[in-house]
Amino acid sequence: MAISLSVVLLLAIILVVMIRSGSIKPLPALVAALFGFFLASTGMAPTIQRFMDSLAETVNKINF
């Protein structure tokens, strides 16, 4: 739960920065956000969640 909240917060910050810098317009950003929202309610959601969890574990194991 903490990882998904962190990812949502990070993506929200990136989205705001992209909108403010003009690299993405508000309407395409809204469409992308709605796509993600509706994708989360499909059967693909558990697969995406497992991928994100394994990616987070991999990044966590990297020692700098």
PDB file of N, CA and C in Angstrom:
ATOM      1  N   MET A   1       0.827  -1.197   0.000  1.00  0.00           N
ATOM      2  CA  MET A   1       0.000   0.000   0.000  1.00  0.00           C
ATOM      3  C   MET A   1       0.862   1.249   0.000  1.00  0.00           C
ATOM      4  N   ALA A   2       1.932   1.254   0.785  1.00  0.00           N
ATOM      5  CA  ALA A   2       2.797   2.427   0.854  1.00  0.00           C
ATOM      6  C   ALA A   2       3.498   2.671  -0.475  1.00  0.00           C
ATOM      7  N   ILE A   3       3.847   1.578  -1.173  1.00  0.00           N
ATOM      8  CA  ILE A   3       4.511   1.732  -2.458  1.00  0.00           C
ATOM      9  C   ILE A   3       3.552   2.325  -3.474  1.00  0.00           C
ATOM     10  N   SER A   4       2.328   1.839  -3.531  1.00  0.00           N
ATOM     11  CA  SER A   4       1.385   2.354  -4.523  1.00  0.00           C
ATOM     12  C   SER A   4       1.032   3.810  -4.240  1.00  0.00           C
ATOM     13  N   LEU A   5       0.954   4.190  -2.971  1.00  0.00           N
ATOM     14  CA  LEU A   5       0.686   5.586  -2.640  1.00  0.00           C
ATOM     15  C   LEU A   5       1.855   6.458  -3.062  1.00  0.00           C
ATOM     16  N   SER A   6       3.073   5.990  -2.862  1.00  0.00           N
ATOM     17  CA  SER A   6       4.257   6.743  -3.273  1.00  0.00           C
ATOM     18  C   SER A   6       4.300   6.894  -4.788  1.00  0.00           C
ATOM     19  N   VAL A   7       3.962   5.839  -5.509  1.00  0.00           N
ATOM     20  CA  VAL A   7       3.961   5.902  -6.968  1.00  0.00           C
ATOM     21  C   VAL A   7       2.895   6.869  -7.455  1.00  0.00           C
ATOM     22  N   VAL A   8       1.728   6.838  -6.858  1.00  0.00           N
ATOM     23  CA  VAL A   8       0.659   7.764  -7.251  1.00  0.00           C
ATOM     24  C   VAL A   8       1.084   9.196  -6.990  1.00  0.00           C
ATOM     25  N   LEU A   9       1.690   9.456  -5.855  1.00  0.00           N
ATOM     26  CA  LEU A   9       2.147  10.809  -5.545  1.00  0.00           C
ATOM     27  C   LEU A   9       3.236  11.261  -6.516  1.00  0.00           C
ATOM     28  N   LEU A  10       4.190  10.387  -6.809  1.00  0.00           N
ATOM     29  CA  LEU A  10       5.252  10.715  -7.750  1.00  0.00           C
ATOM     30  C   LEU A  10       4.691  11.003  -9.136  1.00  0.00           C
ATOM     31  N   LEU A  11       3.771  10.153  -9.609  1.00  0.00           N
ATOM     32  CA  LEU A  11       3.187  10.374 -10.920  1.00  0.00           C
ATOM     33  C   LEU A  11       2.346  11.644 -10.960  1.00  0.00           C
ATOM     34  N   ALA A  12       1.671  11.956  -9.871  1.00  0.00           N
ATOM     35  CA  ALA A  12       0.892  13.201  -9.816  1.00  0.00           C
ATOM     36  C   ALA A  12       1.808  14.419  -9.910  1.00  0.00           C
ATOM     37  N   ILE A  13       2.932  14.372  -9.222  1.00  0.00           N
ATOM     38  CA  ILE A  13       3.890  15.490  -9.284  1.00  0.00           C
ATOM     39  C   ILE A  13       4.447  15.633 -10.692  1.00  0.00           C
ATOM     40  N   ILE A  14       4.806  14.499 -11.316  1.00  0.00           N
ATOM     41  CA  ILE A  14       5.327  14.547 -12.684  1.00  0.00           C
ATOM     42  C   ILE A  14       4.272  15.107 -13.633  1.00  0.00           C
ATOM     43  N   LEU A  15       3.024  14.701 -13.461  1.00  0.00           N
ATOM     44  CA  LEU A  15       1.941  15.192 -14.309  1.00  0.00           C
ATOM     45  C   LEU A  15       1.752  16.698 -14.163  1.00  0.00           C
ATOM     46  N   VAL A  16       1.775  17.196 -12.946  1.00  0.00           N
ATOM     47  CA  VAL A  16       1.631  18.640 -12.718  1.00  0.00           C
ATOM     48  C   VAL A  16       2.789  19.398 -13.357  1.00  0.00           C
ATOM     49  N   VAL A  17       4.000  18.903 -13.199  1.00  0.00           N
ATOM     50  CA  VAL A  17       5.170  19.559 -13.794  1.00  0.00           C
ATOM     51  C   VAL A  17       5.058  19.566 -15.317  1.00  0.00           C
ATOM     52  N   MET A  18       4.610  18.448 -15.893  1.00  0.00           N
ATOM     53  CA  MET A  18       4.479  18.382 -17.349  1.00  0.00           C
ATOM     54  C   MET A  18       3.401  19.324 -17.866  1.00  0.00           C
ATOM     55  N   ILE A  19       2.311  19.453 -17.141  1.00  0.00           N
ATOM     56  CA  ILE A  19       1.246  20.378 -17.552  1.00  0.00           C
ATOM     57  C   ILE A  19       1.735  21.819 -17.443  1.00  0.00           C
ATOM     58  N   ARG A  20       2.400  22.128 -16.348  1.00  0.00           N
ATOM     59  CA  ARG A  20       2.868  23.514 -16.146  1.00  0.00           C
ATOM     60  C   ARG A  20       3.964  23.903 -17.115  1.00  0.00           C
ATOM     61  N   SER A  21       4.806  22.929 -17.509  1.00  0.00           N
ATOM     62  CA  SER A  21       5.889  23.248 -18.443  1.00  0.00           C
ATOM     63  C   SER A  21       5.400  23.292 -19.885  1.00  0.00           C
ATOM     64  N   GLY A  22       4.198  22.818 -20.132  1.00  0.00           N
ATOM     65  CA  GLY A  22       3.637  22.853 -21.472  1.00  0.00           C
ATOM     66  C   GLY A  22       3.984  21.645 -22.318  1.00  0.00           C
ATOM     67  N   SER A  23       4.657  20.652 -21.740  1.00  0.00           N
ATOM     68  CA  SER A  23       5.007  19.480 -22.535  1.00  0.00           C
ATOM     69  C   SER A  23       3.824  18.537 -22.713  1.00  0.00           C
ATOM     70  N   ILE A  24       2.787  18.709 -21.922  1.00  0.00           N
ATOM     71  CA  ILE A  24       1.535  17.967 -22.118  1.00  0.00           C
ATOM     72  C   ILE A  24       0.386  18.916 -21.797  1.00  0.00           C
ATOM     73  N   LYS A  25      -0.605  18.864 -22.632  1.00  0.00           N
ATOM     74  CA  LYS A  25      -1.766  19.737 -22.448  1.00  0.00           C
ATOM     75  C   LYS A  25      -2.726  19.107 -21.432  1.00  0.00           C
ATOM     76  N   PRO A  26      -3.582  19.912 -20.808  1.00  0.00           N
ATOM     77  CA  PRO A  26      -4.493  19.377 -19.786  1.00  0.00           C
ATOM     78  C   PRO A  26      -5.456  18.295 -20.294  1.00  0.00           C
ATOM     79  N   LEU A  27      -6.007  18.442 -21.503  1.00  0.00           N
ATOM     80  CA  LEU A  27      -6.961  17.442 -21.982  1.00  0.00           C
ATOM     81  C   LEU A  27      -6.303  16.070 -22.206  1.00  0.00           C
ATOM     82  N   PRO A  28      -5.144  15.980 -22.886  1.00  0.00           N
ATOM     83  CA  PRO A  28      -4.494  14.665 -22.984  1.00  0.00           C
ATOM     84  C   PRO A  28      -4.095  14.090 -21.623  1.00  0.00           C
ATOM     85  N   ALA A  29      -3.737  14.947 -20.681  1.00  0.00           N
ATOM     86  CA  ALA A  29      -3.414  14.482 -19.337  1.00  0.00           C
ATOM     87  C   ALA A  29      -4.651  13.894 -18.667  1.00  0.00           C
ATOM     88  N   LEU A  30      -5.787  14.525 -18.863  1.00  0.00           N
ATOM     89  CA  LEU A  30      -7.038  14.011 -18.310  1.00  0.00           C
ATOM     90  C   LEU A  30      -7.398  12.667 -18.939  1.00  0.00           C
ATOM     91  N   VAL A  31      -7.224  12.561 -20.240  1.00  0.00           N
ATOM     92  CA  VAL A  31      -7.507  11.302 -20.925  1.00  0.00           C
ATOM     93  C   VAL A  31      -6.597  10.193 -20.398  1.00  0.00           C
ATOM     94  N   ALA A  32      -5.306  10.503 -20.221  1.00  0.00           N
ATOM     95  CA  ALA A  32      -4.364   9.505 -19.696  1.00  0.00           C
ATOM     96  C   ALA A  32      -4.742   9.094 -18.274  1.00  0.00           C
ATOM     97  N   ALA A  33      -5.145  10.051 -17.450  1.00  0.00           N
ATOM     98  CA  ALA A  33      -5.538   9.738 -16.077  1.00  0.00           C
ATOM     99  C   ALA A  33      -6.800   8.877 -16.051  1.00  0.00           C
ATOM    100  N   LEU A  34      -7.760   9.206 -16.893  1.00  0.00           N
ATOM    101  CA  LEU A  34      -8.978   8.398 -16.962  1.00  0.00           C
ATOM    102  C   LEU A  34      -8.685   6.999 -17.491  1.00  0.00           C
ATOM    103  N   PHE A  35      -7.777   6.895 -18.461  1.00  0.00           N
ATOM    104  CA  PHE A  35      -7.381   5.583 -18.965  1.00  0.00           C
ATOM    105  C   PHE A  35      -6.792   4.743 -17.838  1.00  0.00           C
ATOM    106  N   GLY A  36      -5.916   5.334 -17.034  1.00  0.00           N
ATOM    107  CA  GLY A  36      -5.339   4.613 -15.908  1.00  0.00           C
ATOM    108  C   GLY A  36      -6.379   4.218 -14.884  1.00  0.00           C
ATOM    109  N   PHE A  37      -7.318   5.111 -14.635  1.00  0.00           N
ATOM    110  CA  PHE A  37      -8.384   4.825 -13.677  1.00  0.00           C
ATOM    111  C   PHE A  37      -9.224   3.638 -14.135  1.00  0.00           C
ATOM    112  N   PHE A  38      -9.626   3.636 -15.392  1.00  0.00           N
ATOM    113  CA  PHE A  38     -10.451   2.548 -15.900  1.00  0.00           C
ATOM    114  C   PHE A  38      -9.639   1.269 -16.107  1.00  0.00           C
ATOM    115  N   LEU A  39      -8.360   1.387 -16.417  1.00  0.00           N
ATOM    116  CA  LEU A  39      -7.501   0.218 -16.545  1.00  0.00           C
ATOM    117  C   LEU A  39      -7.372  -0.504 -15.213  1.00  0.00           C
ATOM    118  N   ALA A  40      -7.408   0.252 -14.123  1.00  0.00           N
ATOM    119  CA  ALA A  40      -7.287  -0.344 -12.788  1.00  0.00           C
ATOM    120  C   ALA A  40      -8.472  -1.235 -12.446  1.00  0.00           C
ATOM    121  N   SER A  41      -9.586  -1.068 -13.127  1.00  0.00           N
ATOM    122  CA  SER A  41     -10.750  -1.893 -12.830  1.00  0.00           C
ATOM    123  C   SER A  41     -10.879  -3.090 -13.779  1.00  0.00           C
ATOM    124  N   THR A  42      -9.891  -3.302 -14.630  1.00  0.00           N
ATOM    125  CA  THR A  42      -9.934  -4.428 -15.558  1.00  0.00           C
ATOM    126  C   THR A  42      -9.205  -5.624 -14.981  1.00  0.00           C
ATOM    127  N   GLY A  43      -9.212  -6.707 -15.717  1.00  0.00           N
ATOM    128  CA  GLY A  43      -8.504  -7.909 -15.305  1.00  0.00           C
ATOM    129  C   GLY A  43      -6.991  -7.784 -15.394  1.00  0.00           C
ATOM    130  N   MET A  44      -6.507  -6.751 -16.067  1.00  0.00           N
ATOM    131  CA  MET A  44      -5.058  -6.543 -16.182  1.00  0.00           C
ATOM    132  C   MET A  44      -4.446  -5.921 -14.936  1.00  0.00           C
ATOM    133  N   ALA A  45      -5.262  -5.377 -14.064  1.00  0.00           N
ATOM    134  CA  ALA A  45      -4.765  -4.658 -12.889  1.00  0.00           C
ATOM    135  C   ALA A  45      -3.843  -5.512 -12.014  1.00  0.00           C
ATOM    136  N   PRO A  46      -4.171  -6.763 -11.693  1.00  0.00           N
ATOM    137  CA  PRO A  46      -3.253  -7.556 -10.865  1.00  0.00           C
ATOM    138  C   PRO A  46      -1.901  -7.800 -11.530  1.00  0.00           C
ATOM    139  N   THR A  47      -1.895  -7.982 -12.844  1.00  0.00           N
ATOM    140  CA  THR A  47      -0.638  -8.186 -13.559  1.00  0.00           C
ATOM    141  C   THR A  47       0.225  -6.933 -13.509  1.00  0.00           C
ATOM    142  N   ILE A  48      -0.393  -5.792 -13.710  1.00  0.00           N
ATOM    143  CA  ILE A  48       0.341  -4.528 -13.639  1.00  0.00           C
ATOM    144  C   ILE A  48       0.863  -4.304 -12.227  1.00  0.00           C
ATOM    145  N   GLN A  49       0.047  -4.612 -11.219  1.00  0.00           N
ATOM    146  CA  GLN A  49       0.471  -4.448  -9.829  1.00  0.00           C
ATOM    147  C   GLN A  49       1.651  -5.350  -9.505  1.00  0.00           C
ATOM    148  N   ARG A  50       1.620  -6.601  -9.959  1.00  0.00           N
ATOM    149  CA  ARG A  50       2.746  -7.514  -9.724  1.00  0.00           C
ATOM    150  C   ARG A  50       4.014  -7.002 -10.396  1.00  0.00           C
ATOM    151  N   PHE A  51       3.876  -6.475 -11.615  1.00  0.00           N
ATOM    152  CA  PHE A  51       5.032  -5.914 -12.320  1.00  0.00           C
ATOM    153  C   PHE A  51       5.616  -4.732 -11.550  1.00  0.00           C
ATOM    154  N   MET A  52       4.755  -3.832 -11.095  1.00  0.00           N
ATOM    155  CA  MET A  52       5.234  -2.663 -10.348  1.00  0.00           C
ATOM    156  C   MET A  52       5.878  -3.082  -9.029  1.00  0.00           C
ATOM    157  N   ASP A  53       5.308  -4.093  -8.364  1.00  0.00           N
ATOM    158  CA  ASP A  53       5.903  -4.594  -7.121  1.00  0.00           C
ATOM    159  C   ASP A  53       7.277  -5.193  -7.371  1.00  0.00           C
ATOM    160  N   SER A  54       7.415  -5.982  -8.432  1.00  0.00           N
ATOM    161  CA  SER A  54       8.722  -6.583  -8.720  1.00  0.00           C
ATOM    162  C   SER A  54       9.729  -5.521  -9.133  1.00  0.00           C
ATOM    163  N   LEU A  55       9.274  -4.499  -9.848  1.00  0.00           N
ATOM    164  CA  LEU A  55      10.160  -3.403 -10.216  1.00  0.00           C
ATOM    165  C   LEU A  55      10.627  -2.646  -8.974  1.00  0.00           C
ATOM    166  N   ALA A  56       9.727  -2.403  -8.043  1.00  0.00           N
ATOM    167  CA  ALA A  56      10.091  -1.716  -6.802  1.00  0.00           C
ATOM    168  C   ALA A  56      11.070  -2.557  -5.983  1.00  0.00           C
ATOM    169  N   GLU A  57      10.864  -3.869  -5.938  1.00  0.00           N
ATOM    170  CA  GLU A  57      11.788  -4.738  -5.213  1.00  0.00           C
ATOM    171  C   GLU A  57      13.164  -4.740  -5.859  1.00  0.00           C
ATOM    172  N   THR A  58      13.208  -4.749  -7.181  1.00  0.00           N
ATOM    173  CA  THR A  58      14.478  -4.719  -7.896  1.00  0.00           C
ATOM    174  C   THR A  58      15.237  -3.431  -7.629  1.00  0.00           C
ATOM    175  N   VAL A  59      14.543  -2.315  -7.689  1.00  0.00           N
ATOM    176  CA  VAL A  59      15.180  -1.029  -7.416  1.00  0.00           C
ATOM    177  C   VAL A  59      15.640  -0.973  -5.961  1.00  0.00           C
ATOM    178  N   ASN A  60      14.861  -1.552  -5.071  1.00  0.00           N
ATOM    179  CA  ASN A  60      15.216  -1.545  -3.653  1.00  0.00           C
ATOM    180  C   ASN A  60      16.475  -2.360  -3.372  1.00  0.00           C
ATOM    181  N   LYS A  61      16.714  -3.397  -4.155  1.00  0.00           N
ATOM    182  CA  LYS A  61      17.876  -4.254  -3.949  1.00  0.00           C
ATOM    183  C   LYS A  61      19.171  -3.659  -4.494  1.00  0.00           C
ATOM    184  N   ILE A  62      19.071  -2.659  -5.345  1.00  0.00           N
ATOM    185  CA  ILE A  62      20.272  -2.045  -5.925  1.00  0.00           C
ATOM    186  C   ILE A  62      20.982  -1.250  -4.831  1.00  0.00           C
ATOM    187  N   ASN A  63      22.254  -1.553  -4.664  1.00  0.00           N
ATOM    188  CA  ASN A  63      23.073  -0.831  -3.692  1.00  0.00           C
ATOM    189  C   ASN A  63      23.922   0.194  -4.438  1.00  0.00           C
ATOM    190  N   PHE A  64      23.798   1.423  -4.048  1.00  0.00           N
ATOM    191  CA  PHE A  64      24.571   2.474  -4.695  1.00  0.00           C
ATOM    192  C   PHE A  64      25.877   2.664  -4.019  1.00  0.00           C
TER     193      PHE A  64
END
